[in-house]
Amino acid sequence: MKFSTTIATAILGFSSSILAAPVTQARDNSHLIPDVTSLYHGYGGKIEYAVPKGKVSRVQSGNDDISTLVTFYFGSATQGKTCQFNFELNDPGYVINGDNIDVFRSSQYPTSNSPGWGPPSNYRDVQLGRMKVVAGGSAVPQWGSFQFPCPTGQSKGFEVTPTGDKMSVEWVAGVDGPWISYW
């Protein structure tokens, strides 16, 4: 009886630790986190370079949409692989006002702060698609394609933008928010 109680306790303890594990632990080593996260202020073109938190924000009748610019370096491990843009908020306590984000490739990525209009900018390029943000989990693609051939040996930028009349979500850069998987 003592043996079976010990085994049952161990199994229950193990299974509850698995259920309590953050989603990021489910990722294997085939993923990339942003090397740099920056904020872009749409109203004046200001870039806040290398910030600790990402943010996507729009206020109806407001004067400043804020989007997040992320830069990823695609190292040799991505050679010949397919990459996919992902967005994740592990903590179910995140507050999300509005739930959709749009994702764009950037033709260039920022390398410093910028006070406003003029180079550098967000360099918005092709839209990958739209995702529904979920607190405590992975964003769900609504439309578009988030897969692309991995650009090995290069740094590439992406922009996460608000949608609709009102949207707001913040996250800790490199822990939550955008990431790239590859296989």
N, C-alpha and C. Protein backbone atom coordinates (compact mmCIF):
# COMPACT_ATOMS: atom_id res chain seq x y z
N MET A 1 0.83 -1.20 0.00
CA MET A 1 0.00 0.00 0.00
C MET A 1 0.87 1.25 0.00
N LYS A 2 1.94 1.24 0.83
CA LYS A 2 2.82 2.40 0.89
C LYS A 2 3.45 2.64 -0.48
N PHE A 3 3.84 1.56 -1.16
CA PHE A 3 4.45 1.67 -2.48
C PHE A 3 3.48 2.27 -3.49
N SER A 4 2.24 1.77 -3.52
CA SER A 4 1.27 2.28 -4.49
C SER A 4 0.87 3.73 -4.17
N THR A 5 0.83 4.10 -2.90
CA THR A 5 0.54 5.48 -2.53
C THR A 5 1.68 6.39 -2.99
N THR A 6 2.91 5.93 -2.83
CA THR A 6 4.07 6.71 -3.27
C THR A 6 4.05 6.90 -4.78
N ILE A 7 3.74 5.83 -5.51
CA ILE A 7 3.68 5.92 -6.97
C ILE A 7 2.55 6.85 -7.40
N ALA A 8 1.38 6.71 -6.79
CA ALA A 8 0.25 7.57 -7.14
C ALA A 8 0.58 9.03 -6.88
N THR A 9 1.22 9.31 -5.75
CA THR A 9 1.61 10.68 -5.42
C THR A 9 2.60 11.21 -6.44
N ALA A 10 3.56 10.39 -6.83
CA ALA A 10 4.56 10.81 -7.82
C ALA A 10 3.91 11.09 -9.17
N ILE A 11 2.99 10.21 -9.59
CA ILE A 11 2.32 10.40 -10.88
C ILE A 11 1.48 11.66 -10.86
N LEU A 12 0.72 11.88 -9.79
CA LEU A 12 -0.10 13.09 -9.69
C LEU A 12 0.76 14.34 -9.66
N GLY A 13 1.85 14.29 -8.92
CA GLY A 13 2.75 15.44 -8.85
C GLY A 13 3.36 15.75 -10.20
N PHE A 14 3.78 14.70 -10.92
CA PHE A 14 4.37 14.87 -12.25
C PHE A 14 3.35 15.43 -13.23
N SER A 15 2.14 14.86 -13.24
CA SER A 15 1.14 15.31 -14.20
C SER A 15 0.70 16.73 -13.91
N SER A 16 0.59 17.13 -12.64
CA SER A 16 0.18 18.50 -12.38
C SER A 16 1.31 19.47 -12.69
N SER A 17 2.57 19.04 -12.59
CA SER A 17 3.65 19.94 -12.97
C SER A 17 3.69 20.12 -14.48
N ILE A 18 3.32 19.08 -15.24
CA ILE A 18 3.24 19.21 -16.69
C ILE A 18 2.13 20.18 -17.06
N LEU A 19 0.97 20.05 -16.44
CA LEU A 19 -0.15 20.92 -16.76
C LEU A 19 0.13 22.37 -16.38
N ALA A 20 0.96 22.57 -15.35
CA ALA A 20 1.25 23.93 -14.92
C ALA A 20 2.42 24.55 -15.68
N ALA A 21 3.12 23.75 -16.48
CA ALA A 21 4.28 24.26 -17.21
C ALA A 21 3.86 25.32 -18.22
N PRO A 22 4.67 26.38 -18.33
CA PRO A 22 4.34 27.40 -19.32
C PRO A 22 4.38 26.83 -20.73
N VAL A 23 3.64 27.45 -21.63
CA VAL A 23 3.57 26.98 -23.01
C VAL A 23 4.94 27.00 -23.66
N THR A 24 5.80 27.97 -23.29
CA THR A 24 7.11 28.05 -23.93
C THR A 24 7.94 26.81 -23.68
N GLN A 25 7.72 26.09 -22.59
CA GLN A 25 8.47 24.88 -22.36
C GLN A 25 8.07 23.78 -23.34
N ALA A 26 6.93 23.92 -23.97
CA ALA A 26 6.51 22.95 -24.97
C ALA A 26 7.28 23.15 -26.28
N ARG A 27 7.87 24.32 -26.47
CA ARG A 27 8.68 24.56 -27.66
C ARG A 27 9.96 23.75 -27.56
N ASP A 28 10.40 23.21 -28.69
CA ASP A 28 11.69 22.55 -28.67
C ASP A 28 12.76 23.57 -29.06
N ASN A 29 13.94 23.10 -29.39
CA ASN A 29 15.02 24.02 -29.73
C ASN A 29 14.89 24.59 -31.13
N SER A 30 13.86 24.22 -31.86
CA SER A 30 13.67 24.70 -33.22
C SER A 30 12.82 25.96 -33.25
N HIS A 31 13.25 26.95 -32.49
CA HIS A 31 12.53 28.22 -32.48
C HIS A 31 13.51 29.38 -32.27
N LEU A 32 13.07 30.56 -32.67
CA LEU A 32 13.85 31.78 -32.51
C LEU A 32 13.00 32.80 -31.75
N ILE A 33 13.66 33.54 -30.87
CA ILE A 33 13.00 34.68 -30.24
C ILE A 33 13.61 35.95 -30.84
N PRO A 34 12.93 37.07 -30.76
CA PRO A 34 13.47 38.29 -31.38
C PRO A 34 14.81 38.69 -30.78
N ASP A 35 15.72 39.11 -31.65
CA ASP A 35 16.99 39.68 -31.19
C ASP A 35 16.77 41.09 -30.66
N VAL A 36 15.84 41.80 -31.31
CA VAL A 36 15.52 43.18 -30.91
C VAL A 36 14.02 43.38 -31.02
N THR A 37 13.45 44.04 -30.02
CA THR A 37 12.05 44.45 -30.04
C THR A 37 12.02 45.97 -29.92
N SER A 38 11.30 46.62 -30.82
CA SER A 38 11.20 48.08 -30.83
C SER A 38 9.74 48.50 -30.99
N LEU A 39 9.42 49.71 -30.55
CA LEU A 39 8.07 50.24 -30.72
C LEU A 39 8.07 51.31 -31.80
N TYR A 40 7.03 51.29 -32.63
CA TYR A 40 6.87 52.28 -33.69
C TYR A 40 5.59 53.07 -33.42
N HIS A 41 5.72 54.39 -33.35
CA HIS A 41 4.58 55.28 -33.13
C HIS A 41 4.12 55.80 -34.48
N GLY A 42 2.95 55.34 -34.93
CA GLY A 42 2.45 55.65 -36.26
C GLY A 42 2.16 57.11 -36.51
N TYR A 43 1.78 57.85 -35.47
CA TYR A 43 1.39 59.25 -35.67
C TYR A 43 2.58 60.12 -36.07
N GLY A 44 3.70 59.94 -35.40
CA GLY A 44 4.86 60.80 -35.68
C GLY A 44 6.05 60.06 -36.25
N GLY A 45 5.97 58.74 -36.37
CA GLY A 45 7.07 57.98 -36.93
C GLY A 45 8.21 57.68 -35.97
N LYS A 46 8.02 57.97 -34.70
CA LYS A 46 9.07 57.74 -33.70
C LYS A 46 9.30 56.24 -33.51
N ILE A 47 10.58 55.86 -33.36
CA ILE A 47 10.94 54.48 -33.04
C ILE A 47 11.66 54.47 -31.70
N GLU A 48 11.16 53.63 -30.78
CA GLU A 48 11.85 53.36 -29.52
C GLU A 48 12.55 52.03 -29.72
N TYR A 49 13.87 52.06 -29.83
CA TYR A 49 14.66 50.89 -30.20
C TYR A 49 15.03 50.05 -28.96
N ALA A 50 15.00 48.75 -29.12
CA ALA A 50 15.45 47.79 -28.10
C ALA A 50 14.77 48.02 -26.75
N VAL A 51 13.46 47.86 -26.74
CA VAL A 51 12.67 48.05 -25.52
C VAL A 51 12.43 46.70 -24.82
N PRO A 52 12.15 46.72 -23.51
CA PRO A 52 11.92 45.46 -22.79
C PRO A 52 10.52 44.87 -22.98
N LYS A 53 9.57 45.67 -23.46
CA LYS A 53 8.20 45.19 -23.65
C LYS A 53 7.70 45.54 -25.04
N GLY A 54 6.97 44.59 -25.64
CA GLY A 54 6.27 44.85 -26.89
C GLY A 54 4.91 45.43 -26.58
N LYS A 55 4.35 46.15 -27.54
CA LYS A 55 3.04 46.77 -27.33
C LYS A 55 2.36 46.98 -28.68
N VAL A 56 1.08 46.68 -28.72
CA VAL A 56 0.24 46.98 -29.87
C VAL A 56 -0.95 47.75 -29.32
N SER A 57 -1.17 48.97 -29.85
CA SER A 57 -2.19 49.81 -29.25
C SER A 57 -2.84 50.73 -30.28
N ARG A 58 -4.15 50.85 -30.16
CA ARG A 58 -4.91 51.83 -30.95
C ARG A 58 -6.07 52.29 -30.07
N VAL A 59 -6.26 53.61 -30.01
CA VAL A 59 -7.37 54.18 -29.27
C VAL A 59 -8.25 54.90 -30.29
N GLN A 60 -9.55 54.61 -30.28
CA GLN A 60 -10.46 55.26 -31.20
C GLN A 60 -10.36 56.77 -31.03
N SER A 61 -10.23 57.49 -32.13
CA SER A 61 -10.05 58.94 -32.16
C SER A 61 -8.76 59.37 -31.47
N GLY A 62 -7.84 58.43 -31.29
CA GLY A 62 -6.55 58.77 -30.69
C GLY A 62 -5.58 59.23 -31.76
N ASN A 63 -4.45 59.71 -31.33
CA ASN A 63 -3.48 60.24 -32.27
C ASN A 63 -2.22 59.39 -32.39
N ASP A 64 -2.22 58.19 -31.85
CA ASP A 64 -0.97 57.44 -31.92
C ASP A 64 -1.20 55.94 -31.90
N ASP A 65 -1.22 55.32 -33.06
CA ASP A 65 -1.18 53.86 -33.12
C ASP A 65 0.24 53.43 -32.77
N ILE A 66 0.36 52.40 -31.95
CA ILE A 66 1.68 51.86 -31.61
C ILE A 66 1.74 50.43 -32.11
N SER A 67 2.78 50.13 -32.85
CA SER A 67 3.01 48.76 -33.30
C SER A 67 4.38 48.32 -32.80
N THR A 68 4.62 47.02 -32.87
CA THR A 68 5.90 46.48 -32.43
C THR A 68 6.67 45.96 -33.62
N LEU A 69 7.95 46.36 -33.68
CA LEU A 69 8.87 45.90 -34.71
C LEU A 69 9.80 44.88 -34.06
N VAL A 70 9.91 43.71 -34.65
CA VAL A 70 10.81 42.68 -34.12
C VAL A 70 11.80 42.27 -35.19
N THR A 71 13.03 42.01 -34.76
CA THR A 71 14.09 41.57 -35.66
C THR A 71 14.56 40.20 -35.22
N PHE A 72 14.61 39.27 -36.16
CA PHE A 72 15.10 37.91 -35.90
C PHE A 72 16.33 37.65 -36.74
N TYR A 73 17.32 36.95 -36.18
CA TYR A 73 18.45 36.47 -36.97
C TYR A 73 18.24 34.98 -37.23
N PHE A 74 18.31 34.59 -38.50
CA PHE A 74 18.09 33.21 -38.92
C PHE A 74 19.45 32.54 -39.11
N GLY A 75 19.91 31.84 -38.08
CA GLY A 75 21.23 31.21 -38.09
C GLY A 75 21.29 29.95 -38.95
N SER A 76 22.44 29.29 -38.91
CA SER A 76 22.68 28.12 -39.77
C SER A 76 21.73 26.96 -39.48
N ALA A 77 21.19 26.88 -38.28
CA ALA A 77 20.25 25.79 -37.95
C ALA A 77 18.97 25.86 -38.79
N THR A 78 18.70 27.01 -39.39
CA THR A 78 17.48 27.17 -40.19
C THR A 78 17.70 26.82 -41.67
N GLN A 79 18.93 26.45 -42.03
CA GLN A 79 19.26 26.15 -43.43
C GLN A 79 18.33 25.10 -44.02
N GLY A 80 17.69 25.44 -45.14
CA GLY A 80 16.82 24.51 -45.86
C GLY A 80 15.50 24.20 -45.16
N LYS A 81 15.16 24.98 -44.16
CA LYS A 81 13.95 24.71 -43.37
C LYS A 81 12.82 25.68 -43.73
N THR A 82 11.64 25.33 -43.27
CA THR A 82 10.47 26.21 -43.36
C THR A 82 10.32 26.92 -42.03
N CYS A 83 10.07 28.22 -42.07
CA CYS A 83 9.86 29.01 -40.86
C CYS A 83 8.39 29.41 -40.76
N GLN A 84 7.97 29.70 -39.53
CA GLN A 84 6.60 30.16 -39.31
C GLN A 84 6.61 31.23 -38.22
N PHE A 85 5.93 32.35 -38.49
CA PHE A 85 5.75 33.40 -37.51
C PHE A 85 4.66 32.97 -36.54
N ASN A 86 4.91 33.13 -35.25
CA ASN A 86 3.94 32.77 -34.20
C ASN A 86 3.83 33.94 -33.22
N PHE A 87 2.74 33.97 -32.49
CA PHE A 87 2.53 34.97 -31.44
C PHE A 87 1.90 34.25 -30.26
N GLU A 88 2.45 34.46 -29.07
CA GLU A 88 2.00 33.71 -27.91
C GLU A 88 2.04 34.57 -26.65
N LEU A 89 1.02 34.45 -25.83
CA LEU A 89 0.98 35.08 -24.51
C LEU A 89 0.77 33.96 -23.50
N ASN A 90 1.83 33.59 -22.78
CA ASN A 90 1.76 32.44 -21.88
C ASN A 90 0.90 32.67 -20.65
N ASP A 91 0.91 33.88 -20.13
CA ASP A 91 0.19 34.17 -18.89
C ASP A 91 -1.28 34.43 -19.18
N PRO A 92 -2.19 33.65 -18.59
CA PRO A 92 -3.62 33.89 -18.82
C PRO A 92 -4.10 35.20 -18.20
N GLY A 93 -3.26 35.86 -17.40
CA GLY A 93 -3.62 37.11 -16.77
C GLY A 93 -3.42 38.34 -17.66
N TYR A 94 -2.85 38.15 -18.85
CA TYR A 94 -2.70 39.29 -19.75
C TYR A 94 -4.05 39.91 -20.06
N VAL A 95 -4.10 41.23 -20.09
CA VAL A 95 -5.33 41.94 -20.43
C VAL A 95 -5.25 42.33 -21.90
N ILE A 96 -6.24 41.93 -22.66
CA ILE A 96 -6.29 42.21 -24.09
C ILE A 96 -7.56 42.99 -24.38
N ASN A 97 -7.42 44.19 -24.91
CA ASN A 97 -8.57 44.99 -25.34
C ASN A 97 -8.61 44.94 -26.86
N GLY A 98 -9.59 44.26 -27.41
CA GLY A 98 -9.58 43.95 -28.84
C GLY A 98 -8.72 42.71 -28.97
N ASP A 99 -8.94 41.91 -29.96
CA ASP A 99 -8.21 40.65 -29.93
C ASP A 99 -7.47 40.28 -31.21
N ASN A 100 -7.51 41.13 -32.23
CA ASN A 100 -6.82 40.80 -33.48
C ASN A 100 -5.60 41.67 -33.70
N ILE A 101 -4.57 41.06 -34.26
CA ILE A 101 -3.37 41.77 -34.69
C ILE A 101 -3.12 41.44 -36.15
N ASP A 102 -2.51 42.37 -36.86
CA ASP A 102 -2.04 42.11 -38.21
C ASP A 102 -0.53 41.98 -38.16
N VAL A 103 0.01 41.12 -39.02
CA VAL A 103 1.45 40.87 -39.06
C VAL A 103 1.96 41.17 -40.47
N PHE A 104 3.03 41.95 -40.53
CA PHE A 104 3.66 42.33 -41.79
C PHE A 104 5.14 41.97 -41.76
N ARG A 105 5.69 41.66 -42.92
CA ARG A 105 7.14 41.63 -43.07
C ARG A 105 7.59 43.07 -43.19
N SER A 106 8.82 43.33 -42.80
CA SER A 106 9.42 44.65 -42.98
C SER A 106 10.52 44.53 -44.02
N SER A 107 10.62 45.50 -44.92
CA SER A 107 11.66 45.45 -45.94
C SER A 107 13.03 45.76 -45.34
N GLN A 108 13.05 46.45 -44.20
CA GLN A 108 14.27 46.71 -43.43
C GLN A 108 13.88 46.65 -41.96
N TYR A 109 14.85 46.66 -41.10
CA TYR A 109 14.56 46.65 -39.66
C TYR A 109 15.32 47.79 -38.99
N PRO A 110 14.80 48.31 -37.88
CA PRO A 110 15.46 49.44 -37.22
C PRO A 110 16.77 49.01 -36.56
N THR A 111 17.69 49.96 -36.48
CA THR A 111 18.98 49.70 -35.83
C THR A 111 19.27 50.73 -34.74
N SER A 112 18.33 51.68 -34.55
CA SER A 112 18.53 52.71 -33.52
C SER A 112 17.20 53.43 -33.27
N ASN A 113 17.21 54.29 -32.25
CA ASN A 113 16.06 55.16 -31.99
C ASN A 113 15.88 56.14 -33.15
N SER A 114 14.66 56.63 -33.30
CA SER A 114 14.39 57.66 -34.30
C SER A 114 13.38 58.64 -33.71
N PRO A 115 13.64 59.95 -33.83
CA PRO A 115 12.73 60.93 -33.24
C PRO A 115 11.43 61.10 -34.00
N GLY A 116 11.39 60.69 -35.26
CA GLY A 116 10.16 60.87 -36.01
C GLY A 116 10.35 60.68 -37.49
N TRP A 117 9.45 61.26 -38.27
CA TRP A 117 9.39 61.02 -39.71
C TRP A 117 10.75 61.10 -40.37
N GLY A 118 10.92 60.22 -41.33
CA GLY A 118 12.17 60.09 -42.05
C GLY A 118 12.83 58.79 -41.65
N PRO A 119 13.91 58.46 -42.35
CA PRO A 119 14.57 57.19 -42.04
C PRO A 119 15.09 57.20 -40.61
N PRO A 120 15.11 56.07 -39.93
CA PRO A 120 14.44 54.84 -40.33
C PRO A 120 12.93 54.93 -40.07
N SER A 121 12.20 54.01 -40.65
CA SER A 121 10.76 53.96 -40.42
C SER A 121 10.39 52.52 -40.07
N ASN A 122 9.10 52.21 -40.13
CA ASN A 122 8.70 50.82 -39.89
C ASN A 122 8.95 49.95 -41.12
N TYR A 123 9.17 50.55 -42.29
CA TYR A 123 9.45 49.83 -43.54
C TYR A 123 8.47 48.69 -43.77
N ARG A 124 7.20 48.97 -43.57
CA ARG A 124 6.17 47.95 -43.73
C ARG A 124 6.18 47.40 -45.15
N ASP A 125 6.12 46.08 -45.25
CA ASP A 125 6.17 45.39 -46.54
C ASP A 125 4.91 44.55 -46.68
N VAL A 126 5.03 43.34 -47.11
CA VAL A 126 3.91 42.44 -47.40
C VAL A 126 3.23 41.98 -46.11
N GLN A 127 1.90 41.97 -46.12
CA GLN A 127 1.15 41.48 -44.97
C GLN A 127 1.13 39.96 -44.99
N LEU A 128 1.49 39.36 -43.84
CA LEU A 128 1.41 37.90 -43.71
C LEU A 128 -0.01 37.47 -43.42
N GLY A 129 -0.73 38.25 -42.59
CA GLY A 129 -2.09 37.89 -42.26
C GLY A 129 -2.55 38.48 -40.95
N ARG A 130 -3.62 37.93 -40.42
CA ARG A 130 -4.24 38.40 -39.18
C ARG A 130 -4.33 37.23 -38.19
N MET A 131 -4.11 37.55 -36.90
CA MET A 131 -4.19 36.56 -35.83
C MET A 131 -5.11 37.05 -34.73
N LYS A 132 -5.78 36.12 -34.09
CA LYS A 132 -6.59 36.41 -32.90
C LYS A 132 -5.72 36.10 -31.69
N VAL A 133 -5.46 37.11 -30.87
CA VAL A 133 -4.59 36.97 -29.70
C VAL A 133 -5.36 36.29 -28.57
N VAL A 134 -4.69 35.37 -27.89
CA VAL A 134 -5.30 34.61 -26.81
C VAL A 134 -4.42 34.73 -25.57
N ALA A 135 -4.96 35.24 -24.46
CA ALA A 135 -4.20 35.27 -23.21
C ALA A 135 -4.07 33.84 -22.70
N GLY A 136 -2.85 33.45 -22.36
CA GLY A 136 -2.61 32.10 -21.87
C GLY A 136 -2.41 31.08 -22.97
N GLY A 137 -2.11 31.52 -24.20
CA GLY A 137 -1.91 30.56 -25.27
C GLY A 137 -1.41 31.19 -26.55
N SER A 138 -1.46 30.41 -27.61
CA SER A 138 -0.98 30.84 -28.93
C SER A 138 -2.07 31.56 -29.69
N ALA A 139 -1.68 32.60 -30.42
CA ALA A 139 -2.62 33.32 -31.28
C ALA A 139 -3.10 32.38 -32.38
N VAL A 140 -4.34 32.57 -32.79
CA VAL A 140 -4.96 31.72 -33.80
C VAL A 140 -5.02 32.48 -35.13
N PRO A 141 -4.38 31.94 -36.18
CA PRO A 141 -4.46 32.61 -37.48
C PRO A 141 -5.91 32.74 -37.94
N GLN A 142 -6.30 33.94 -38.39
CA GLN A 142 -7.64 34.19 -38.92
C GLN A 142 -7.64 34.09 -40.43
N TRP A 143 -6.58 34.59 -41.04
CA TRP A 143 -6.38 34.46 -42.48
C TRP A 143 -4.93 34.80 -42.79
N GLY A 144 -4.47 34.40 -43.96
CA GLY A 144 -3.10 34.66 -44.39
C GLY A 144 -2.23 33.44 -44.22
N SER A 145 -0.98 33.59 -44.56
CA SER A 145 0.00 32.51 -44.42
C SER A 145 1.19 33.02 -43.64
N PHE A 146 1.52 32.34 -42.57
CA PHE A 146 2.60 32.75 -41.69
C PHE A 146 3.85 31.92 -41.91
N GLN A 147 3.83 31.02 -42.90
CA GLN A 147 4.98 30.18 -43.23
C GLN A 147 5.76 30.78 -44.38
N PHE A 148 7.08 30.58 -44.35
CA PHE A 148 7.96 31.09 -45.40
C PHE A 148 9.28 30.32 -45.36
N PRO A 149 10.01 30.29 -46.47
CA PRO A 149 11.32 29.65 -46.46
C PRO A 149 12.25 30.42 -45.52
N CYS A 150 12.94 29.73 -44.63
CA CYS A 150 13.83 30.41 -43.69
C CYS A 150 14.95 31.13 -44.44
N PRO A 151 15.16 32.42 -44.18
CA PRO A 151 16.22 33.19 -44.84
C PRO A 151 17.56 33.05 -44.09
N THR A 152 18.14 31.88 -44.14
CA THR A 152 19.34 31.54 -43.37
C THR A 152 20.46 32.55 -43.58
N GLY A 153 21.10 32.91 -42.46
CA GLY A 153 22.22 33.84 -42.49
C GLY A 153 21.81 35.30 -42.58
N GLN A 154 20.55 35.59 -42.42
CA GLN A 154 20.05 36.96 -42.54
C GLN A 154 19.25 37.36 -41.30
N SER A 155 19.20 38.66 -41.07
CA SER A 155 18.27 39.22 -40.09
C SER A 155 17.07 39.74 -40.86
N LYS A 156 15.88 39.49 -40.34
CA LYS A 156 14.65 39.94 -40.98
C LYS A 156 13.76 40.60 -39.94
N GLY A 157 13.01 41.59 -40.39
CA GLY A 157 12.11 42.32 -39.51
C GLY A 157 10.65 42.02 -39.80
N PHE A 158 9.84 42.13 -38.76
CA PHE A 158 8.39 41.95 -38.85
C PHE A 158 7.74 43.04 -38.02
N GLU A 159 6.49 43.35 -38.35
CA GLU A 159 5.73 44.36 -37.61
C GLU A 159 4.40 43.75 -37.18
N VAL A 160 4.07 43.93 -35.91
CA VAL A 160 2.80 43.49 -35.34
C VAL A 160 1.99 44.75 -35.08
N THR A 161 0.79 44.84 -35.70
CA THR A 161 0.02 46.08 -35.67
C THR A 161 -1.38 45.87 -35.09
N PRO A 162 -2.00 46.95 -34.58
CA PRO A 162 -3.37 46.85 -34.10
C PRO A 162 -4.37 46.80 -35.25
N THR A 163 -5.57 46.32 -34.96
CA THR A 163 -6.67 46.31 -35.93
C THR A 163 -7.89 46.94 -35.27
N GLY A 164 -8.87 47.30 -36.07
CA GLY A 164 -10.12 47.83 -35.53
C GLY A 164 -9.97 49.21 -34.92
N ASP A 165 -11.02 49.64 -34.22
CA ASP A 165 -11.03 50.97 -33.61
C ASP A 165 -10.30 51.03 -32.28
N LYS A 166 -10.20 49.89 -31.61
CA LYS A 166 -9.60 49.88 -30.28
C LYS A 166 -8.87 48.56 -30.10
N MET A 167 -7.59 48.64 -29.70
CA MET A 167 -6.81 47.43 -29.47
C MET A 167 -5.68 47.79 -28.53
N SER A 168 -5.38 46.91 -27.59
CA SER A 168 -4.26 47.14 -26.69
C SER A 168 -3.81 45.82 -26.08
N VAL A 169 -2.53 45.54 -26.19
CA VAL A 169 -1.92 44.41 -25.51
C VAL A 169 -0.43 44.70 -25.37
N GLU A 170 0.14 44.34 -24.23
CA GLU A 170 1.57 44.47 -23.97
C GLU A 170 2.10 43.12 -23.52
N TRP A 171 3.40 42.89 -23.74
CA TRP A 171 4.03 41.63 -23.33
C TRP A 171 5.51 41.87 -23.05
N VAL A 172 6.11 40.95 -22.33
CA VAL A 172 7.54 41.00 -22.04
C VAL A 172 8.28 40.46 -23.27
N ALA A 173 9.14 41.29 -23.85
CA ALA A 173 9.86 40.91 -25.06
C ALA A 173 10.77 39.71 -24.81
N GLY A 174 10.77 38.77 -25.75
CA GLY A 174 11.61 37.59 -25.67
C GLY A 174 11.04 36.48 -24.81
N VAL A 175 10.03 36.79 -24.01
CA VAL A 175 9.36 35.79 -23.18
C VAL A 175 8.01 35.44 -23.79
N ASP A 176 7.28 36.46 -24.15
CA ASP A 176 5.98 36.32 -24.80
C ASP A 176 6.01 37.09 -26.11
N GLY A 177 4.90 37.07 -26.82
CA GLY A 177 4.80 37.81 -28.07
C GLY A 177 5.30 37.00 -29.26
N PRO A 178 5.91 37.69 -30.25
CA PRO A 178 6.34 37.02 -31.48
C PRO A 178 7.49 36.04 -31.27
N TRP A 179 7.46 34.95 -32.03
CA TRP A 179 8.57 34.01 -32.11
C TRP A 179 8.46 33.26 -33.44
N ILE A 180 9.55 32.66 -33.85
CA ILE A 180 9.60 31.93 -35.11
C ILE A 180 9.89 30.46 -34.81
N SER A 181 9.08 29.57 -35.39
CA SER A 181 9.39 28.14 -35.33
C SER A 181 9.94 27.73 -36.69
N TYR A 182 10.74 26.66 -36.70
CA TYR A 182 11.25 26.16 -37.99
C TYR A 182 11.38 24.65 -37.94
N TRP A 183 11.20 24.03 -39.10
CA TRP A 183 11.28 22.58 -39.23
C TRP A 183 11.76 22.20 -40.61
